[in-house]
N, C-alpha and C. Protein backbone atom coordinates (compact mmCIF):
# COMPACT_ATOMS: atom_id res chain seq x y z
N MET A 1 108.10 118.59 37.63
CA MET A 1 109.30 119.40 37.46
C MET A 1 109.86 119.71 38.84
N ARG A 2 111.14 119.45 38.99
CA ARG A 2 111.82 119.75 40.24
C ARG A 2 112.71 120.96 40.07
N LEU A 3 112.64 121.85 41.03
CA LEU A 3 113.49 123.04 41.02
C LEU A 3 114.40 122.98 42.23
N GLY A 4 115.36 123.83 42.27
CA GLY A 4 116.21 123.91 43.44
C GLY A 4 117.66 123.68 43.09
N SER A 5 118.14 122.47 43.29
CA SER A 5 119.56 122.19 43.13
C SER A 5 120.02 122.15 41.68
N ARG A 6 119.14 122.28 40.74
CA ARG A 6 119.49 122.21 39.32
C ARG A 6 120.22 123.45 38.82
N GLY A 7 120.14 124.56 39.53
CA GLY A 7 120.77 125.79 39.05
C GLY A 7 119.70 126.75 38.58
N TRP A 8 119.95 128.01 38.75
CA TRP A 8 118.91 129.00 38.48
C TRP A 8 118.55 129.07 37.01
N THR A 9 119.48 128.91 36.08
CA THR A 9 119.17 129.14 34.68
C THR A 9 118.17 128.13 34.15
N THR A 10 118.36 126.88 34.46
CA THR A 10 117.40 125.88 34.00
C THR A 10 116.07 126.06 34.72
N ALA A 11 116.13 126.40 35.99
CA ALA A 11 114.90 126.63 36.73
C ALA A 11 114.15 127.83 36.17
N TYR A 12 114.88 128.88 35.82
CA TYR A 12 114.24 130.07 35.29
C TYR A 12 113.52 129.78 33.99
N VAL A 13 114.19 129.09 33.10
CA VAL A 13 113.58 128.79 31.80
C VAL A 13 112.36 127.91 31.98
N TRP A 14 112.45 126.91 32.86
CA TRP A 14 111.32 126.01 33.05
C TRP A 14 110.19 126.65 33.84
N ALA A 15 110.50 127.66 34.64
CA ALA A 15 109.46 128.32 35.42
C ALA A 15 108.66 129.31 34.58
N VAL A 16 109.09 129.53 33.35
CA VAL A 16 108.43 130.47 32.46
C VAL A 16 106.99 130.01 32.18
N GLN A 17 106.07 130.94 32.26
CA GLN A 17 104.68 130.61 31.98
C GLN A 17 104.43 130.59 30.48
N CYS A 18 103.54 129.72 30.08
CA CYS A 18 103.18 129.63 28.66
C CYS A 18 101.84 130.31 28.47
N HIS A 19 101.81 131.31 27.62
CA HIS A 19 100.57 132.02 27.31
C HIS A 19 100.07 131.51 25.97
N ILE A 20 98.85 131.10 25.95
CA ILE A 20 98.30 130.56 24.71
C ILE A 20 97.26 131.54 24.17
N HIS A 21 97.44 131.89 22.91
CA HIS A 21 96.53 132.80 22.24
C HIS A 21 95.87 132.05 21.08
N ALA A 22 94.58 132.16 21.00
CA ALA A 22 93.88 131.47 19.92
C ALA A 22 93.78 132.40 18.72
N TYR A 23 94.21 131.93 17.57
CA TYR A 23 94.09 132.66 16.31
C TYR A 23 93.26 131.77 15.39
N GLY A 24 91.97 131.98 15.41
CA GLY A 24 91.09 131.11 14.63
C GLY A 24 91.11 129.72 15.24
N THR A 25 91.45 128.73 14.44
CA THR A 25 91.51 127.36 14.94
C THR A 25 92.92 126.95 15.31
N ARG A 26 93.87 127.84 15.09
CA ARG A 26 95.27 127.52 15.35
C ARG A 26 95.70 128.12 16.69
N LEU A 27 96.39 127.33 17.50
CA LEU A 27 96.90 127.82 18.77
C LEU A 27 98.40 128.03 18.65
N THR A 28 98.86 129.15 19.17
CA THR A 28 100.29 129.47 19.16
C THR A 28 100.71 129.72 20.59
N SER A 29 101.76 129.06 21.05
CA SER A 29 102.23 129.31 22.41
C SER A 29 103.43 130.25 22.36
N VAL A 30 103.42 131.22 23.25
CA VAL A 30 104.50 132.20 23.34
C VAL A 30 105.05 132.13 24.76
N HIS A 31 106.28 131.68 24.88
CA HIS A 31 106.90 131.58 26.19
C HIS A 31 107.42 132.94 26.61
N ARG A 32 107.26 133.25 27.86
CA ARG A 32 107.70 134.54 28.37
C ARG A 32 109.19 134.75 28.17
N ILE A 33 109.98 133.68 28.23
CA ILE A 33 111.43 133.81 28.06
C ILE A 33 111.77 134.39 26.69
N PHE A 34 110.94 134.15 25.67
CA PHE A 34 111.20 134.64 24.32
C PHE A 34 111.23 136.16 24.29
N THR A 35 110.41 136.79 25.11
CA THR A 35 110.31 138.26 25.11
C THR A 35 111.09 138.88 26.27
N THR A 36 111.80 138.06 27.01
CA THR A 36 112.65 138.56 28.10
C THR A 36 113.94 139.10 27.51
N ALA A 37 114.42 140.19 28.06
CA ALA A 37 115.68 140.78 27.59
C ALA A 37 116.83 139.84 27.93
N PHE A 38 117.64 139.54 26.94
CA PHE A 38 118.81 138.70 27.15
C PHE A 38 119.70 139.32 28.22
N SER A 39 119.78 140.65 28.23
CA SER A 39 120.64 141.35 29.20
C SER A 39 120.17 141.16 30.63
N SER A 40 118.91 140.80 30.84
CA SER A 40 118.43 140.58 32.21
C SER A 40 118.82 139.20 32.73
N VAL A 41 119.10 138.25 31.84
CA VAL A 41 119.47 136.90 32.23
C VAL A 41 121.00 136.73 32.22
N TYR A 42 121.66 137.45 31.35
CA TYR A 42 123.12 137.36 31.19
C TYR A 42 123.89 137.46 32.51
N PRO A 43 123.57 138.43 33.39
CA PRO A 43 124.33 138.50 34.65
C PRO A 43 124.20 137.23 35.49
N HIS A 44 123.09 136.53 35.37
CA HIS A 44 122.90 135.29 36.10
C HIS A 44 123.76 134.17 35.52
N TYR A 45 123.93 134.17 34.20
CA TYR A 45 124.87 133.22 33.59
C TYR A 45 126.27 133.45 34.15
N VAL A 46 126.67 134.72 34.19
CA VAL A 46 128.00 135.08 34.68
C VAL A 46 128.15 134.70 36.16
N THR A 47 127.16 135.03 36.96
CA THR A 47 127.20 134.71 38.39
C THR A 47 127.32 133.21 38.62
N LYS A 48 126.56 132.43 37.87
CA LYS A 48 126.62 130.98 38.02
C LYS A 48 128.02 130.46 37.71
N ALA A 49 128.61 130.97 36.65
CA ALA A 49 129.96 130.55 36.27
C ALA A 49 130.99 131.00 37.32
N GLU A 50 130.89 132.25 37.76
CA GLU A 50 131.86 132.78 38.72
C GLU A 50 131.78 132.08 40.08
N ARG A 51 130.58 131.67 40.48
CA ARG A 51 130.43 130.93 41.74
C ARG A 51 131.21 129.62 41.71
N LYS A 52 131.40 129.10 40.51
CA LYS A 52 132.11 127.83 40.35
C LYS A 52 133.56 128.03 39.91
N GLY A 53 134.06 129.27 40.03
CA GLY A 53 135.47 129.53 39.74
C GLY A 53 135.76 129.80 38.26
N ARG A 54 134.75 130.02 37.46
CA ARG A 54 134.95 130.34 36.05
C ARG A 54 134.82 131.85 35.86
N THR A 55 135.02 132.35 34.65
CA THR A 55 135.08 133.80 34.44
C THR A 55 134.01 134.30 33.47
N LYS A 56 133.78 135.60 33.54
CA LYS A 56 132.88 136.27 32.60
C LYS A 56 133.40 136.09 31.17
N ALA A 57 134.72 136.17 31.01
CA ALA A 57 135.32 136.00 29.69
C ALA A 57 134.99 134.63 29.10
N GLU A 58 134.95 133.60 29.94
CA GLU A 58 134.59 132.26 29.45
C GLU A 58 133.12 132.19 29.05
N VAL A 59 132.27 132.85 29.82
CA VAL A 59 130.84 132.92 29.47
C VAL A 59 130.70 133.60 28.11
N ASP A 60 131.38 134.73 27.94
CA ASP A 60 131.33 135.46 26.67
C ASP A 60 131.84 134.60 25.52
N GLU A 61 132.92 133.88 25.76
CA GLU A 61 133.49 133.02 24.72
C GLU A 61 132.50 131.94 24.28
N ILE A 62 131.80 131.37 25.24
CA ILE A 62 130.79 130.34 24.93
C ILE A 62 129.65 130.95 24.12
N ILE A 63 129.17 132.11 24.55
CA ILE A 63 128.06 132.77 23.84
C ILE A 63 128.50 133.12 22.42
N GLN A 64 129.71 133.63 22.28
CA GLN A 64 130.23 133.99 20.96
C GLN A 64 130.38 132.75 20.08
N TRP A 65 130.84 131.66 20.66
CA TRP A 65 130.99 130.41 19.89
C TRP A 65 129.62 129.94 19.38
N LEU A 66 128.63 129.96 20.27
CA LEU A 66 127.30 129.47 19.90
C LEU A 66 126.63 130.36 18.87
N THR A 67 126.73 131.67 19.04
CA THR A 67 125.96 132.62 18.22
C THR A 67 126.69 133.18 17.00
N GLY A 68 128.02 133.12 17.02
CA GLY A 68 128.78 133.71 15.93
C GLY A 68 129.03 135.20 16.11
N PHE A 69 128.58 135.78 17.21
CA PHE A 69 128.81 137.19 17.48
C PHE A 69 130.25 137.40 17.95
N ASP A 70 130.80 138.59 17.67
CA ASP A 70 132.07 138.95 18.29
C ASP A 70 131.75 139.72 19.57
N GLN A 71 132.79 140.12 20.32
CA GLN A 71 132.55 140.77 21.61
C GLN A 71 131.79 142.09 21.46
N SER A 72 132.11 142.87 20.43
CA SER A 72 131.42 144.16 20.26
C SER A 72 129.94 143.95 19.93
N ALA A 73 129.63 142.95 19.14
CA ALA A 73 128.22 142.66 18.82
C ALA A 73 127.48 142.19 20.07
N LEU A 74 128.12 141.32 20.84
CA LEU A 74 127.51 140.85 22.09
C LEU A 74 127.24 142.02 23.02
N ASP A 75 128.22 142.91 23.16
CA ASP A 75 128.04 144.09 24.01
C ASP A 75 126.89 144.97 23.52
N ARG A 76 126.77 145.14 22.20
CA ARG A 76 125.67 145.94 21.64
C ARG A 76 124.31 145.32 21.97
N TYR A 77 124.19 144.01 21.81
CA TYR A 77 122.92 143.34 22.13
C TYR A 77 122.59 143.45 23.61
N LEU A 78 123.60 143.37 24.45
CA LEU A 78 123.36 143.51 25.89
C LEU A 78 122.91 144.92 26.24
N GLN A 79 123.54 145.93 25.65
CA GLN A 79 123.18 147.32 25.93
C GLN A 79 121.81 147.68 25.36
N ALA A 80 121.44 147.06 24.25
CA ALA A 80 120.17 147.37 23.60
C ALA A 80 118.98 146.65 24.24
N GLU A 81 119.26 145.82 25.26
CA GLU A 81 118.22 145.04 25.93
C GLU A 81 117.40 144.22 24.92
N THR A 82 118.11 143.57 24.04
CA THR A 82 117.52 142.72 23.01
C THR A 82 116.84 141.52 23.66
N THR A 83 115.67 141.13 23.16
CA THR A 83 114.99 139.94 23.69
C THR A 83 115.71 138.68 23.22
N PHE A 84 115.44 137.57 23.87
CA PHE A 84 116.00 136.29 23.44
C PHE A 84 115.61 136.00 22.00
N ASP A 85 114.37 136.32 21.64
CA ASP A 85 113.89 136.09 20.28
C ASP A 85 114.73 136.87 19.27
N GLU A 86 114.93 138.16 19.53
CA GLU A 86 115.73 139.01 18.63
C GLU A 86 117.20 138.59 18.63
N PHE A 87 117.69 138.25 19.81
CA PHE A 87 119.10 137.87 19.96
C PHE A 87 119.42 136.64 19.12
N PHE A 88 118.62 135.59 19.26
CA PHE A 88 118.88 134.38 18.50
C PHE A 88 118.47 134.48 17.04
N ALA A 89 117.55 135.39 16.71
CA ALA A 89 117.18 135.61 15.30
C ALA A 89 118.37 136.20 14.54
N ALA A 90 119.18 137.01 15.22
CA ALA A 90 120.33 137.64 14.58
C ALA A 90 121.57 136.73 14.59
N ALA A 91 121.52 135.66 15.35
CA ALA A 91 122.68 134.78 15.51
C ALA A 91 122.83 133.82 14.33
N ASN A 92 124.07 133.47 14.05
CA ASN A 92 124.39 132.40 13.10
C ASN A 92 124.90 131.24 13.95
N LEU A 93 124.01 130.33 14.31
CA LEU A 93 124.36 129.25 15.21
C LEU A 93 125.54 128.44 14.67
N ASN A 94 126.46 128.14 15.54
CA ASN A 94 127.63 127.36 15.19
C ASN A 94 127.19 125.99 14.65
N PRO A 95 127.75 125.53 13.54
CA PRO A 95 127.37 124.23 13.00
C PRO A 95 127.58 123.08 13.99
N ASN A 96 128.56 123.22 14.88
CA ASN A 96 128.80 122.17 15.88
C ASN A 96 127.81 122.19 17.03
N ALA A 97 126.88 123.15 17.02
CA ALA A 97 125.85 123.19 18.06
C ALA A 97 124.99 121.93 18.02
N THR A 98 124.92 121.30 16.86
CA THR A 98 124.14 120.05 16.75
C THR A 98 124.78 118.93 17.56
N LEU A 99 126.03 119.09 17.96
CA LEU A 99 126.72 118.08 18.77
C LEU A 99 126.41 118.21 20.25
N ILE A 100 125.71 119.28 20.64
CA ILE A 100 125.37 119.50 22.04
C ILE A 100 124.21 118.57 22.39
N THR A 101 124.46 117.69 23.33
CA THR A 101 123.42 116.77 23.79
C THR A 101 123.45 116.73 25.30
N GLY A 102 122.42 116.17 25.86
CA GLY A 102 122.38 116.03 27.30
C GLY A 102 121.09 116.55 27.87
N VAL A 103 121.04 116.55 29.18
CA VAL A 103 119.81 116.88 29.90
C VAL A 103 119.96 118.21 30.62
N VAL A 104 118.94 119.05 30.47
CA VAL A 104 118.84 120.30 31.22
C VAL A 104 117.50 120.26 31.92
N CYS A 105 117.53 120.22 33.24
CA CYS A 105 116.30 120.18 34.06
C CYS A 105 115.40 119.02 33.66
N GLY A 106 116.01 117.88 33.42
CA GLY A 106 115.23 116.68 33.13
C GLY A 106 114.77 116.54 31.69
N ILE A 107 115.12 117.47 30.83
CA ILE A 107 114.70 117.42 29.42
C ILE A 107 115.94 117.33 28.54
N ARG A 108 115.92 116.41 27.59
CA ARG A 108 117.03 116.28 26.64
C ARG A 108 117.00 117.47 25.69
N VAL A 109 118.11 118.19 25.59
CA VAL A 109 118.15 119.39 24.73
C VAL A 109 117.92 119.03 23.27
N GLU A 110 118.39 117.87 22.85
CA GLU A 110 118.22 117.48 21.45
C GLU A 110 116.79 117.13 21.09
N SER A 111 115.93 116.97 22.09
CA SER A 111 114.53 116.63 21.81
C SER A 111 113.58 117.82 21.90
N VAL A 112 114.10 119.00 22.22
CA VAL A 112 113.26 120.20 22.29
C VAL A 112 112.84 120.56 20.87
N GLU A 113 111.54 120.69 20.66
CA GLU A 113 111.02 120.89 19.30
C GLU A 113 111.01 122.35 18.85
N ASP A 114 110.65 123.28 19.74
CA ASP A 114 110.59 124.69 19.35
C ASP A 114 112.00 125.19 19.07
N PRO A 115 112.26 125.72 17.87
CA PRO A 115 113.63 126.14 17.50
C PRO A 115 114.24 127.19 18.44
N LEU A 116 113.46 128.17 18.84
CA LEU A 116 113.99 129.20 19.74
C LEU A 116 114.26 128.63 21.13
N MET A 117 113.32 127.86 21.64
CA MET A 117 113.52 127.25 22.96
C MET A 117 114.73 126.33 22.93
N LYS A 118 114.94 125.64 21.83
CA LYS A 118 116.09 124.75 21.71
C LYS A 118 117.39 125.55 21.81
N LYS A 119 117.46 126.70 21.14
CA LYS A 119 118.66 127.54 21.21
C LYS A 119 118.91 128.03 22.63
N ILE A 120 117.85 128.41 23.31
CA ILE A 120 117.97 128.87 24.70
C ILE A 120 118.47 127.72 25.58
N ARG A 121 117.93 126.55 25.37
CA ARG A 121 118.35 125.37 26.13
C ARG A 121 119.80 124.98 25.83
N LEU A 122 120.20 125.13 24.58
CA LEU A 122 121.59 124.84 24.23
C LEU A 122 122.54 125.76 24.99
N LEU A 123 122.19 127.05 25.04
CA LEU A 123 123.01 128.00 25.79
C LEU A 123 123.03 127.62 27.27
N ASP A 124 121.86 127.26 27.80
CA ASP A 124 121.77 126.83 29.18
C ASP A 124 122.68 125.63 29.45
N LYS A 125 122.66 124.68 28.55
CA LYS A 125 123.48 123.47 28.69
C LYS A 125 124.97 123.83 28.70
N LEU A 126 125.37 124.73 27.81
CA LEU A 126 126.77 125.15 27.75
C LEU A 126 127.21 125.84 29.05
N ILE A 127 126.34 126.70 29.58
CA ILE A 127 126.66 127.40 30.83
C ILE A 127 126.73 126.39 31.98
N ASP A 128 125.83 125.41 31.99
CA ASP A 128 125.88 124.35 33.01
C ASP A 128 127.19 123.58 32.93
N GLU A 129 127.62 123.24 31.72
CA GLU A 129 128.87 122.52 31.55
C GLU A 129 130.06 123.34 32.04
N LEU A 130 130.04 124.64 31.76
CA LEU A 130 131.09 125.53 32.23
C LEU A 130 131.13 125.53 33.76
N ALA A 131 129.97 125.68 34.37
CA ALA A 131 129.88 125.72 35.83
C ALA A 131 130.28 124.40 36.47
N LYS A 132 130.12 123.31 35.74
CA LYS A 132 130.51 122.00 36.27
C LYS A 132 131.99 121.70 36.09
N GLY A 133 132.73 122.65 35.50
CA GLY A 133 134.17 122.51 35.39
C GLY A 133 134.67 121.85 34.12
N LYS A 134 133.81 121.67 33.15
CA LYS A 134 134.23 121.05 31.90
C LYS A 134 135.22 121.97 31.18
N LYS A 135 136.18 121.39 30.46
CA LYS A 135 137.17 122.18 29.74
C LYS A 135 136.51 122.88 28.55
N MET A 136 137.03 124.08 28.23
CA MET A 136 136.45 124.91 27.17
C MET A 136 136.41 124.19 25.82
N ASP A 137 137.47 123.47 25.46
CA ASP A 137 137.46 122.80 24.16
C ASP A 137 136.39 121.72 24.09
N LYS A 138 136.09 121.08 25.20
CA LYS A 138 135.01 120.08 25.26
C LYS A 138 133.65 120.75 25.19
N ILE A 139 133.50 121.90 25.88
CA ILE A 139 132.24 122.63 25.87
C ILE A 139 131.91 123.08 24.45
N MET A 140 132.94 123.54 23.74
CA MET A 140 132.73 124.07 22.39
C MET A 140 132.87 122.99 21.32
N ARG A 141 132.83 121.72 21.75
CA ARG A 141 132.78 120.58 20.84
C ARG A 141 133.90 120.60 19.81
N GLN A 142 135.12 120.87 20.28
CA GLN A 142 136.27 120.92 19.37
C GLN A 142 137.16 119.71 19.54
């Protein structure tokens, strides 16, 4: 895994440690990002976009498109310090999210098996596309 020039969001997600807990003969992996407050990562999404000349409003629009939340719901989740797990559990993923493909930190988003990690990676991919200057209608697969 290479870190550095890929951007902080992909690096952050990939740098997450995997804790494995044994429950009888079954192993369950819990990624630290799942229990991280969405509000602690959100400012970094905004900063990444703003560094590339994009706006907070565009970041919010992308998040709302992906999750189905309106602005007031997004603000409530941010203020409540909701975890990524809780945030995406409450979301109604956009049906066009299945059209999001590509590579984030060397991994194809469409091949991520864990459903929650896949949603996090999809959001990461959308923020990367925004920061790379892609048009909003293309980012939102319209």
